C-alpha atoms as a PDB file:
ATOM      1  CA  MET A   1     -28.845   9.782  34.836  1.00  0.00           C
ATOM      2  CA  ALA A   2     -28.933   8.925  31.133  1.00  0.00           C
ATOM      3  CA  LEU A   3     -28.451   5.472  29.613  1.00  0.00           C
ATOM      4  CA  TYR A   4     -26.658   5.050  26.263  1.00  0.00           C
ATOM      5  CA  CYS A   5     -25.415   2.325  23.960  1.00  0.00           C
ATOM      6  CA  ILE A   6     -22.569   3.091  21.544  1.00  0.00           C
ATOM      7  CA  GLY A   7     -21.620   1.130  18.429  1.00  0.00           C
ATOM      8  CA  ASP A   8     -18.265  -0.164  17.219  1.00  0.00           C
ATOM      9  CA  VAL A   9     -15.469   2.337  17.942  1.00  0.00           C
ATOM     10  CA  GLN A  10     -12.616   0.290  16.414  1.00  0.00           C
ATOM     11  CA  GLY A  11      -9.808   2.483  17.639  1.00  0.00           C
ATOM     12  CA  CYS A  12     -11.378   5.806  16.594  1.00  0.00           C
ATOM     13  CA  ASP A  13     -10.777   7.605  19.861  1.00  0.00           C
ATOM     14  CA  ALA A  14     -11.175  11.132  18.485  1.00  0.00           C
ATOM     15  CA  ALA A  15     -14.620  10.209  17.171  1.00  0.00           C
ATOM     16  CA  LEU A  16     -15.522   8.700  20.534  1.00  0.00           C
ATOM     17  CA  GLN A  17     -14.515  11.927  22.258  1.00  0.00           C
ATOM     18  CA  ARG A  18     -16.644  13.963  19.856  1.00  0.00           C
ATOM     19  CA  LEU A  19     -19.612  11.663  20.400  1.00  0.00           C
ATOM     20  CA  LEU A  20     -19.289  11.867  24.182  1.00  0.00           C
ATOM     21  CA  ASP A  21     -19.109  15.654  23.882  1.00  0.00           C
ATOM     22  CA  LEU A  22     -22.184  15.680  21.636  1.00  0.00           C
ATOM     23  CA  ILE A  23     -24.283  13.678  24.068  1.00  0.00           C
ATOM     24  CA  GLY A  24     -23.006  15.635  27.059  1.00  0.00           C
ATOM     25  CA  PHE A  25     -21.801  12.467  28.725  1.00  0.00           C
ATOM     26  CA  SER A  26     -20.992  12.780  32.434  1.00  0.00           C
ATOM     27  CA  PRO A  27     -19.089   9.835  33.990  1.00  0.00           C
ATOM     28  CA  SER A  28     -20.410  10.796  37.424  1.00  0.00           C
ATOM     29  CA  ARG A  29     -24.011  10.693  36.245  1.00  0.00           C
ATOM     30  CA  ASP A  30     -24.471   8.647  33.067  1.00  0.00           C
ATOM     31  CA  THR A  31     -23.867   5.084  31.880  1.00  0.00           C
ATOM     32  CA  ALA A  32     -22.800   4.157  28.360  1.00  0.00           C
ATOM     33  CA  TYR A  33     -22.348   0.622  27.088  1.00  0.00           C
ATOM     34  CA  LEU A  34     -19.840   0.157  24.248  1.00  0.00           C
ATOM     35  CA  LEU A  35     -20.985  -2.847  22.238  1.00  0.00           C
ATOM     36  CA  GLY A  36     -17.617  -4.395  21.388  1.00  0.00           C
ATOM     37  CA  ASP A  37     -14.851  -3.921  18.824  1.00  0.00           C
ATOM     38  CA  LEU A  38     -13.234  -1.239  20.897  1.00  0.00           C
ATOM     39  CA  VAL A  39     -10.009  -1.685  18.936  1.00  0.00           C
ATOM     40  CA  ASN A  40      -8.434  -2.249  15.527  1.00  0.00           C
ATOM     41  CA  ARG A  41      -8.568  -0.741  12.040  1.00  0.00           C
ATOM     42  CA  GLY A  42      -8.766   2.786  13.475  1.00  0.00           C
ATOM     43  CA  PRO A  43      -5.848   5.037  14.424  1.00  0.00           C
ATOM     44  CA  ASP A  44      -5.693   4.930  18.243  1.00  0.00           C
ATOM     45  CA  SER A  45      -6.838   1.720  19.891  1.00  0.00           C
ATOM     46  CA  ALA A  46      -4.639   2.297  22.927  1.00  0.00           C
ATOM     47  CA  ALA A  47      -6.344   5.626  23.651  1.00  0.00           C
ATOM     48  CA  VAL A  48      -9.783   3.978  23.447  1.00  0.00           C
ATOM     49  CA  LEU A  49      -8.739   1.331  25.971  1.00  0.00           C
ATOM     50  CA  ARG A  50      -7.206   3.912  28.291  1.00  0.00           C
ATOM     51  CA  ARG A  51     -10.347   6.048  28.143  1.00  0.00           C
ATOM     52  CA  CYS A  52     -12.633   3.109  28.902  1.00  0.00           C
ATOM     53  CA  ARG A  53     -10.381   1.867  31.680  1.00  0.00           C
ATOM     54  CA  ALA A  54     -10.222   5.315  33.269  1.00  0.00           C
ATOM     55  CA  HIS A  55     -14.021   5.607  33.276  1.00  0.00           C
ATOM     56  CA  GLU A  56     -14.791   2.000  34.167  1.00  0.00           C
ATOM     57  CA  GLY A  57     -18.241   1.875  35.703  1.00  0.00           C
ATOM     58  CA  ALA A  58     -19.516   4.728  33.549  1.00  0.00           C
ATOM     59  CA  LEU A  59     -18.188   3.416  30.222  1.00  0.00           C
ATOM     60  CA  ARG A  60     -19.018  -0.281  30.315  1.00  0.00           C
ATOM     61  CA  CYS A  61     -17.543  -2.405  27.567  1.00  0.00           C
ATOM     62  CA  LEU A  62     -18.295  -5.655  25.802  1.00  0.00           C
ATOM     63  CA  LEU A  63     -15.811  -7.758  23.867  1.00  0.00           C
ATOM     64  CA  GLY A  64     -16.089  -8.075  20.101  1.00  0.00           C
ATOM     65  CA  ASN A  65     -14.183 -10.171  17.594  1.00  0.00           C
ATOM     66  CA  HIS A  66     -11.480  -7.510  17.142  1.00  0.00           C
ATOM     67  CA  ASP A  67     -10.920  -7.293  20.885  1.00  0.00           C
ATOM     68  CA  LEU A  68     -10.463 -11.048  21.068  1.00  0.00           C
ATOM     69  CA  HIS A  69      -8.136 -10.809  18.057  1.00  0.00           C
ATOM     70  CA  LEU A  70      -5.984  -8.349  20.007  1.00  0.00           C
ATOM     71  CA  LEU A  71      -5.774 -10.752  22.953  1.00  0.00           C
ATOM     72  CA  ALA A  72      -4.969 -13.656  20.629  1.00  0.00           C
ATOM     73  CA  THR A  73      -2.276 -11.658  18.827  1.00  0.00           C
ATOM     74  CA  ALA A  74      -0.725 -10.571  22.110  1.00  0.00           C
ATOM     75  CA  HIS A  75      -0.525 -14.208  23.249  1.00  0.00           C
ATOM     76  CA  GLY A  76       0.913 -15.489  19.960  1.00  0.00           C
ATOM     77  CA  ALA A  77      -2.258 -17.347  19.020  1.00  0.00           C
ATOM     78  CA  ARG A  78      -2.982 -15.208  15.975  1.00  0.00           C
ATOM     79  CA  LYS A  79      -0.744 -13.556  13.414  1.00  0.00           C
ATOM     80  CA  PRO A  80      -1.284  -9.844  12.840  1.00  0.00           C
ATOM     81  CA  SER A  81      -3.271  -9.000   9.720  1.00  0.00           C
ATOM     82  CA  ARG A  82      -1.943  -6.440   7.254  1.00  0.00           C
ATOM     83  CA  ARG A  83      -5.024  -4.353   8.089  1.00  0.00           C
ATOM     84  CA  ASP A  84      -4.440  -4.435  11.843  1.00  0.00           C
ATOM     85  CA  THR A  85      -3.625  -1.223  13.691  1.00  0.00           C
ATOM     86  CA  LEU A  86      -2.806  -2.774  17.047  1.00  0.00           C
ATOM     87  CA  GLU A  87       0.863  -1.846  17.449  1.00  0.00           C
ATOM     88  CA  GLY A  88      -0.027   1.124  19.622  1.00  0.00           C
ATOM     89  CA  VAL A  89      -1.357  -1.319  22.196  1.00  0.00           C
ATOM     90  CA  LEU A  90       1.143  -4.121  21.695  1.00  0.00           C
ATOM     91  CA  GLN A  91       4.135  -1.792  22.040  1.00  0.00           C
ATOM     92  CA  ALA A  92       2.715   0.465  24.757  1.00  0.00           C
ATOM     93  CA  ASP A  93       4.457   0.856  28.106  1.00  0.00           C
ATOM     94  CA  ASP A  94       1.139   0.000  29.765  1.00  0.00           C
ATOM     95  CA  ARG A  95       0.465  -2.925  27.416  1.00  0.00           C
ATOM     96  CA  ASP A  96       0.082  -5.475  30.213  1.00  0.00           C
ATOM     97  CA  ASP A  97      -2.363  -3.306  32.137  1.00  0.00           C
ATOM     98  CA  LEU A  98      -4.456  -2.649  29.033  1.00  0.00           C
ATOM     99  CA  LEU A  99      -4.573  -6.317  28.037  1.00  0.00           C
ATOM    100  CA  ASP A 100      -5.384  -7.420  31.571  1.00  0.00           C
ATOM    101  CA  TRP A 101      -8.244  -4.921  31.696  1.00  0.00           C
ATOM    102  CA  LEU A 102      -9.506  -6.055  28.287  1.00  0.00           C
ATOM    103  CA  ARG A 103      -9.575  -9.753  29.181  1.00  0.00           C
ATOM    104  CA  ARG A 104     -11.868  -8.961  32.104  1.00  0.00           C
ATOM    105  CA  GLN A 105     -14.620  -7.446  29.978  1.00  0.00           C
ATOM    106  CA  PRO A 106     -17.742  -9.553  29.296  1.00  0.00           C
ATOM    107  CA  LEU A 107     -19.274 -10.856  26.081  1.00  0.00           C
ATOM    108  CA  ALA A 108     -22.857 -10.058  27.108  1.00  0.00           C
ATOM    109  CA  LEU A 109     -24.537  -7.833  29.668  1.00  0.00           C
ATOM    110  CA  ALA A 110     -28.050  -7.026  30.809  1.00  0.00           C
ATOM    111  CA  HIS A 111     -29.314  -3.712  32.164  1.00  0.00           C
ATOM    112  CA  PRO A 112     -32.749  -3.184  33.760  1.00  0.00           C
ATOM    113  CA  HIS A 113     -34.484  -0.037  32.551  1.00  0.00           C
ATOM    114  CA  GLY A 114     -38.057   1.170  32.734  1.00  0.00           C
ATOM    115  CA  GLY A 115     -39.393  -2.172  33.862  1.00  0.00           C
ATOM    116  CA  GLU A 116     -37.674  -4.069  31.039  1.00  0.00           C
ATOM    117  CA  THR A 117     -34.274  -5.659  30.517  1.00  0.00           C
ATOM    118  CA  LEU A 118     -31.864  -4.536  27.826  1.00  0.00           C
ATOM    119  CA  LEU A 119     -29.635  -7.378  26.610  1.00  0.00           C
ATOM    120  CA  MET A 120     -26.376  -6.273  25.015  1.00  0.00           C
ATOM    121  CA  LEU A 121     -23.914  -8.282  22.936  1.00  0.00           C
ATOM    122  CA  HIS A 122     -21.559  -7.644  20.065  1.00  0.00           C
ATOM    123  CA  ALA A 123     -22.939  -9.801  17.242  1.00  0.00           C
ATOM    124  CA  GLY A 124     -25.863 -12.148  17.822  1.00  0.00           C
ATOM    125  CA  ALA A 125     -27.633 -14.811  19.853  1.00  0.00           C
ATOM    126  CA  LEU A 126     -28.525 -18.225  18.516  1.00  0.00           C
ATOM    127  CA  PRO A 127     -32.233 -18.967  18.146  1.00  0.00           C
ATOM    128  CA  ALA A 128     -32.131 -21.771  20.745  1.00  0.00           C
ATOM    129  CA  TRP A 129     -30.890 -19.408  23.467  1.00  0.00           C
ATOM    130  CA  SER A 130     -33.094 -17.445  25.817  1.00  0.00           C
ATOM    131  CA  ALA A 131     -31.807 -14.187  27.272  1.00  0.00           C
ATOM    132  CA  ALA A 132     -30.890 -16.059  30.456  1.00  0.00           C
ATOM    133  CA  ASP A 133     -29.073 -18.719  28.408  1.00  0.00           C
ATOM    134  CA  THR A 134     -27.141 -16.044  26.530  1.00  0.00           C
ATOM    135  CA  LEU A 135     -25.884 -14.439  29.733  1.00  0.00           C
ATOM    136  CA  ARG A 136     -25.096 -17.782  31.355  1.00  0.00           C
ATOM    137  CA  LEU A 137     -23.184 -19.082  28.341  1.00  0.00           C
ATOM    138  CA  ALA A 138     -21.305 -15.816  27.958  1.00  0.00           C
ATOM    139  CA  GLY A 139     -20.330 -16.234  31.601  1.00  0.00           C
ATOM    140  CA  GLU A 140     -18.702 -19.575  30.817  1.00  0.00           C
ATOM    141  CA  VAL A 141     -16.383 -17.806  28.388  1.00  0.00           C
ATOM    142  CA  HIS A 142     -15.813 -14.924  30.832  1.00  0.00           C
ATOM    143  CA  ASP A 143     -14.491 -17.395  33.390  1.00  0.00           C
ATOM    144  CA  VAL A 144     -11.930 -18.740  30.925  1.00  0.00           C
ATOM    145  CA  LEU A 145     -10.849 -15.313  29.685  1.00  0.00           C
ATOM    146  CA  ARG A 146     -10.225 -14.143  33.234  1.00  0.00           C
ATOM    147  CA  GLY A 147      -8.468 -17.314  34.340  1.00  0.00           C
ATOM    148  CA  ARG A 148      -5.155 -19.075  33.929  1.00  0.00           C
ATOM    149  CA  GLU A 149      -6.376 -20.988  30.879  1.00  0.00           C
ATOM    150  CA  LEU A 150      -6.593 -17.857  28.728  1.00  0.00           C
ATOM    151  CA  PRO A 151      -3.441 -18.445  26.605  1.00  0.00           C
ATOM    152  CA  ALA A 152      -4.330 -22.081  25.895  1.00  0.00           C
ATOM    153  CA  PHE A 153      -7.928 -21.185  25.078  1.00  0.00           C
ATOM    154  CA  LEU A 154      -6.912 -18.430  22.655  1.00  0.00           C
ATOM    155  CA  HIS A 155      -4.848 -20.968  20.711  1.00  0.00           C
ATOM    156  CA  ARG A 156      -7.935 -23.183  20.358  1.00  0.00           C
ATOM    157  CA  MET A 157     -10.605 -20.519  19.983  1.00  0.00           C
ATOM    158  CA  TYR A 158     -10.591 -20.019  16.216  1.00  0.00           C
ATOM    159  CA  GLY A 159     -12.539 -22.181  13.805  1.00  0.00           C
ATOM    160  CA  ASN A 160     -15.952 -22.394  12.159  1.00  0.00           C
ATOM    161  CA  GLN A 161     -16.901 -25.786  13.556  1.00  0.00           C
ATOM    162  CA  PRO A 162     -19.142 -26.709  15.249  1.00  0.00           C
ATOM    163  CA  ASP A 163     -21.443 -24.333  13.403  1.00  0.00           C
ATOM    164  CA  HIS A 164     -24.585 -24.815  15.509  1.00  0.00           C
ATOM    165  CA  TRP A 165     -25.553 -25.136  19.137  1.00  0.00           C
ATOM    166  CA  SER A 166     -26.183 -28.366  21.013  1.00  0.00           C
ATOM    167  CA  ASP A 167     -26.677 -28.623  24.759  1.00  0.00           C
ATOM    168  CA  GLY A 168     -24.318 -31.591  24.700  1.00  0.00           C
ATOM    169  CA  LEU A 169     -21.338 -29.592  23.497  1.00  0.00           C
ATOM    170  CA  ALA A 170     -18.396 -29.541  25.888  1.00  0.00           C
ATOM    171  CA  GLY A 171     -14.878 -28.191  26.171  1.00  0.00           C
ATOM    172  CA  THR A 172     -13.396 -26.169  23.327  1.00  0.00           C
ATOM    173  CA  ASP A 173     -16.270 -26.930  20.954  1.00  0.00           C
ATOM    174  CA  ARG A 174     -18.786 -25.493  23.395  1.00  0.00           C
ATOM    175  CA  LEU A 175     -16.788 -22.342  24.078  1.00  0.00           C
ATOM    176  CA  ARG A 176     -16.045 -21.813  20.376  1.00  0.00           C
ATOM    177  CA  VAL A 177     -19.736 -21.875  19.436  1.00  0.00           C
ATOM    178  CA  ILE A 178     -20.516 -19.374  22.199  1.00  0.00           C
ATOM    179  CA  VAL A 179     -17.723 -17.024  21.101  1.00  0.00           C
ATOM    180  CA  ASN A 180     -18.627 -17.309  17.427  1.00  0.00           C
ATOM    181  CA  ALA A 181     -22.283 -16.519  18.031  1.00  0.00           C
ATOM    182  CA  LEU A 182     -21.670 -13.603  20.371  1.00  0.00           C
ATOM    183  CA  THR A 183     -18.856 -11.996  18.378  1.00  0.00           C
ATOM    184  CA  ARG A 184     -19.172 -13.097  14.722  1.00  0.00           C
ATOM    185  CA  LEU A 185     -22.772 -14.019  13.888  1.00  0.00           C
ATOM    186  CA  ARG A 186     -24.739 -12.222  11.181  1.00  0.00           C
ATOM    187  CA  PHE A 187     -26.601 -14.863   9.182  1.00  0.00           C
ATOM    188  CA  CYS A 188     -27.780 -18.342  10.074  1.00  0.00           C
ATOM    189  CA  SER A 189     -30.123 -20.965   8.684  1.00  0.00           C
ATOM    190  CA  PRO A 190     -33.673 -21.235  10.033  1.00  0.00           C
ATOM    191  CA  GLU A 191     -32.353 -24.104  12.177  1.00  0.00           C
ATOM    192  CA  GLY A 192     -29.571 -21.955  13.669  1.00  0.00           C
ATOM    193  CA  VAL A 193     -26.575 -23.152  11.614  1.00  0.00           C
ATOM    194  CA  MET A 194     -24.174 -20.209  11.555  1.00  0.00           C
ATOM    195  CA  ASP A 195     -22.658 -18.700   8.420  1.00  0.00           C
ATOM    196  CA  PHE A 196     -19.348 -16.834   8.677  1.00  0.00           C
ATOM    197  CA  GLU A 197     -18.745 -15.930   5.037  1.00  0.00           C
ATOM    198  CA  SER A 198     -21.488 -13.420   4.268  1.00  0.00           C
ATOM    199  CA  THR A 199     -21.189  -9.778   5.291  1.00  0.00           C
ATOM    200  CA  GLU A 200     -23.991  -8.357   3.140  1.00  0.00           C
ATOM    201  CA  SER A 201     -26.806  -6.243   4.466  1.00  0.00           C
ATOM    202  CA  ALA A 202     -29.806  -7.995   5.973  1.00  0.00           C
ATOM    203  CA  ARG A 203     -31.751  -7.347   2.776  1.00  0.00           C
ATOM    204  CA  SER A 204     -29.219  -9.387   0.783  1.00  0.00           C
ATOM    205  CA  ALA A 205     -29.253 -12.653   2.690  1.00  0.00           C
ATOM    206  CA  PRO A 206     -27.653 -15.526   0.760  1.00  0.00           C
ATOM    207  CA  PRO A 207     -29.956 -18.389  -0.273  1.00  0.00           C
ATOM    208  CA  GLY A 208     -31.062 -20.494   2.672  1.00  0.00           C
ATOM    209  CA  LEU A 209     -29.891 -17.943   5.236  1.00  0.00           C
ATOM    210  CA  LEU A 210     -31.515 -15.126   7.152  1.00  0.00           C
ATOM    211  CA  PRO A 211     -30.386 -12.555   9.713  1.00  0.00           C
ATOM    212  CA  TRP A 212     -29.951 -14.187  13.106  1.00  0.00           C
ATOM    213  CA  PHE A 213     -32.663 -11.986  14.557  1.00  0.00           C
ATOM    214  CA  ASP A 214     -35.225 -13.229  12.010  1.00  0.00           C
ATOM    215  CA  ALA A 215     -34.711 -16.920  12.752  1.00  0.00           C
ATOM    216  CA  PRO A 216     -38.094 -18.543  13.432  1.00  0.00           C
ATOM    217  CA  GLY A 217     -38.717 -19.395  17.065  1.00  0.00           C
ATOM    218  CA  ARG A 218     -35.845 -17.246  18.336  1.00  0.00           C
ATOM    219  CA  ARG A 219     -36.115 -17.483  22.104  1.00  0.00           C
ATOM    220  CA  THR A 220     -34.763 -13.975  22.709  1.00  0.00           C
ATOM    221  CA  ALA A 221     -37.636 -12.490  20.680  1.00  0.00           C
ATOM    222  CA  GLY A 222     -39.389 -10.011  22.924  1.00  0.00           C
ATOM    223  CA  THR A 223     -36.216  -9.114  24.801  1.00  0.00           C
ATOM    224  CA  VAL A 224     -34.752  -5.816  23.644  1.00  0.00           C
ATOM    225  CA  ILE A 225     -31.262  -6.527  22.267  1.00  0.00           C
ATOM    226  CA  ALA A 226     -28.630  -3.946  21.350  1.00  0.00           C
ATOM    227  CA  PHE A 227     -25.757  -5.130  19.148  1.00  0.00           C
ATOM    228  CA  GLY A 228     -23.016  -3.945  16.792  1.00  0.00           C
ATOM    229  CA  HIS A 229     -20.717  -5.843  14.406  1.00  0.00           C
ATOM    230  CA  TRP A 230     -22.760  -5.383  11.213  1.00  0.00           C
ATOM    231  CA  SER A 231     -21.711  -2.189   9.452  1.00  0.00           C
ATOM    232  CA  THR A 232     -23.589  -3.052   6.250  1.00  0.00           C
ATOM    233  CA  LEU A 233     -26.753  -3.284   8.324  1.00  0.00           C
ATOM    234  CA  GLY A 234     -26.187   0.186   9.739  1.00  0.00           C
ATOM    235  CA  TRP A 235     -28.554   1.883  12.160  1.00  0.00           C
ATOM    236  CA  PHE A 236     -31.355  -0.584  12.800  1.00  0.00           C
ATOM    237  CA  SER A 237     -34.238  -0.063  15.189  1.00  0.00           C
ATOM    238  CA  ARG A 238     -37.363  -2.059  15.761  1.00  0.00           C
ATOM    239  CA  ASN A 239     -39.296  -2.923  18.914  1.00  0.00           C
ATOM    240  CA  ASP A 240     -36.892  -5.547  20.232  1.00  0.00           C
ATOM    241  CA  LEU A 241     -33.700  -4.789  18.280  1.00  0.00           C
ATOM    242  CA  ILE A 242     -31.147  -1.987  18.045  1.00  0.00           C
ATOM    243  CA  GLY A 243     -28.206  -2.252  15.640  1.00  0.00           C
ATOM    244  CA  LEU A 244     -25.509   0.363  16.203  1.00  0.00           C
ATOM    245  CA  ASP A 245     -22.537  -0.410  13.964  1.00  0.00           C
ATOM    246  CA  THR A 246     -22.690   2.436  11.460  1.00  0.00           C
ATOM    247  CA  GLY A 247     -19.233   2.013   9.963  1.00  0.00           C
ATOM    248  CA  CYS A 248     -17.236   4.618  11.856  1.00  0.00           C
ATOM    249  CA  VAL A 249     -13.884   3.202  10.780  1.00  0.00           C
ATOM    250  CA  TRP A 250     -14.998   3.041   7.128  1.00  0.00           C
ATOM    251  CA  GLY A 251     -15.895   6.735   6.986  1.00  0.00           C
ATOM    252  CA  GLY A 252     -19.435   6.366   8.291  1.00  0.00           C
ATOM    253  CA  GLN A 253     -20.740   7.512  11.642  1.00  0.00           C
ATOM    254  CA  LEU A 254     -20.121   6.612  15.263  1.00  0.00           C
ATOM    255  CA  SER A 255     -23.564   6.176  16.773  1.00  0.00           C
ATOM    256  CA  ALA A 256     -25.127   6.277  20.203  1.00  0.00           C
ATOM    257  CA  VAL A 257     -28.697   5.679  21.246  1.00  0.00           C
ATOM    258  CA  ARG A 258     -30.029   7.515  24.279  1.00  0.00           C
ATOM    259  CA  PHE A 259     -32.934   5.848  26.048  1.00  0.00           C
ATOM    260  CA  GLY A 260     -35.776   7.763  27.594  1.00  0.00           C
ATOM    261  CA  ALA A 261     -37.981   6.529  30.406  1.00  0.00           C
ATOM    262  CA  THR A 262     -38.434   3.209  28.575  1.00  0.00           C
ATOM    263  CA  LEU A 263     -36.400   1.175  26.113  1.00  0.00           C
ATOM    264  CA  ALA A 264     -38.879   2.117  23.393  1.00  0.00           C
ATOM    265  CA  GLU A 265     -37.969   5.802  23.779  1.00  0.00           C
ATOM    266  CA  ARG A 266     -34.805   6.106  21.693  1.00  0.00           C
ATOM    267  CA  GLU A 267     -32.847   9.041  20.353  1.00  0.00           C
ATOM    268  CA  LEU A 268     -30.109   8.438  17.777  1.00  0.00           C
ATOM    269  CA  LEU A 269     -27.024  10.643  18.093  1.00  0.00           C
ATOM    270  CA  GLN A 270     -24.152  10.443  15.619  1.00  0.00           C
ATOM    271  CA  VAL A 271     -20.854  12.025  14.660  1.00  0.00           C
ATOM    272  CA  GLN A 272     -19.343  11.741  11.204  1.00  0.00           C
ATOM    273  CA  CYS A 273     -15.996   9.953  11.098  1.00  0.00           C
ATOM    274  CA  PRO A 274     -13.030  10.278   8.749  1.00  0.00           C
ATOM    275  CA  GLN A 275     -12.286   7.110   6.835  1.00  0.00           C
ATOM    276  CA  ALA A 276      -9.503   5.184   8.544  1.00  0.00           C
ATOM    277  CA  GLN A 277      -9.635   2.247   6.113  1.00  0.00           C
ATOM    278  CA  ALA A 278     -11.447   1.459   2.897  1.00  0.00           C
ATOM    279  CA  PRO A 279     -13.804  -1.532   2.983  1.00  0.00           C
ATOM    280  CA  GLY A 280     -12.376  -4.528   1.180  1.00  0.00           C
ATOM    281  CA  HIS A 281      -8.775  -3.301   1.310  1.00  0.00           C
END
């Protein structure tokens, strides 16, 4: 019974199939967590969703910013981008089933392994949040996504303000900060003010900013976190962090990490991907 995490697929279903073949994945035996951005920019988002839905329980999925963008587009809360490749889902005969399945996926998950807990999210966690806070706050958004308020929430979800966490936040402001941190965060200030403009690698942090995982006093430090979202960061592994977005859709690799008896025992497995889109175009 092997445990895997897989980085951003972004609609590259053929690459996902090749990666699952490479790792010898067995749905009856193994568990793989896909760390968000299942869809968009790649050639076959609908096939990715169908595959994950068919193997639900073995392929366990998180929501990323592109997955939320698909839901928002489907509900008329967001206009399609010229770079979107979502028509295969939006025009599919099983569109409603796929979207209903997608809305029920979480923004953060935890998995016990080898006496430790692996925390998984798409982008980042704010420095003020503990692992328990992260899961609890993600659950607040889960409840809205799965409920009757989904269409109204999607129309209010987008925006860069508030740009930092406060326990006193309520309503849309509270949910927006949670979504932005879990699905969009790369850099923040030492005080936890989020930046949404910079997409550079961690080594090229803009002045006054640092990668979210290097924020001083980060309360999730010591908890092993696996995340995606940051293709310019690439494969990233240190004691308590695993970054797995290796730019599949941009002509990079689709990556999986296989854990051994502990979370410290990690094997990187990758397949090369054809370029579906060029960065910056």
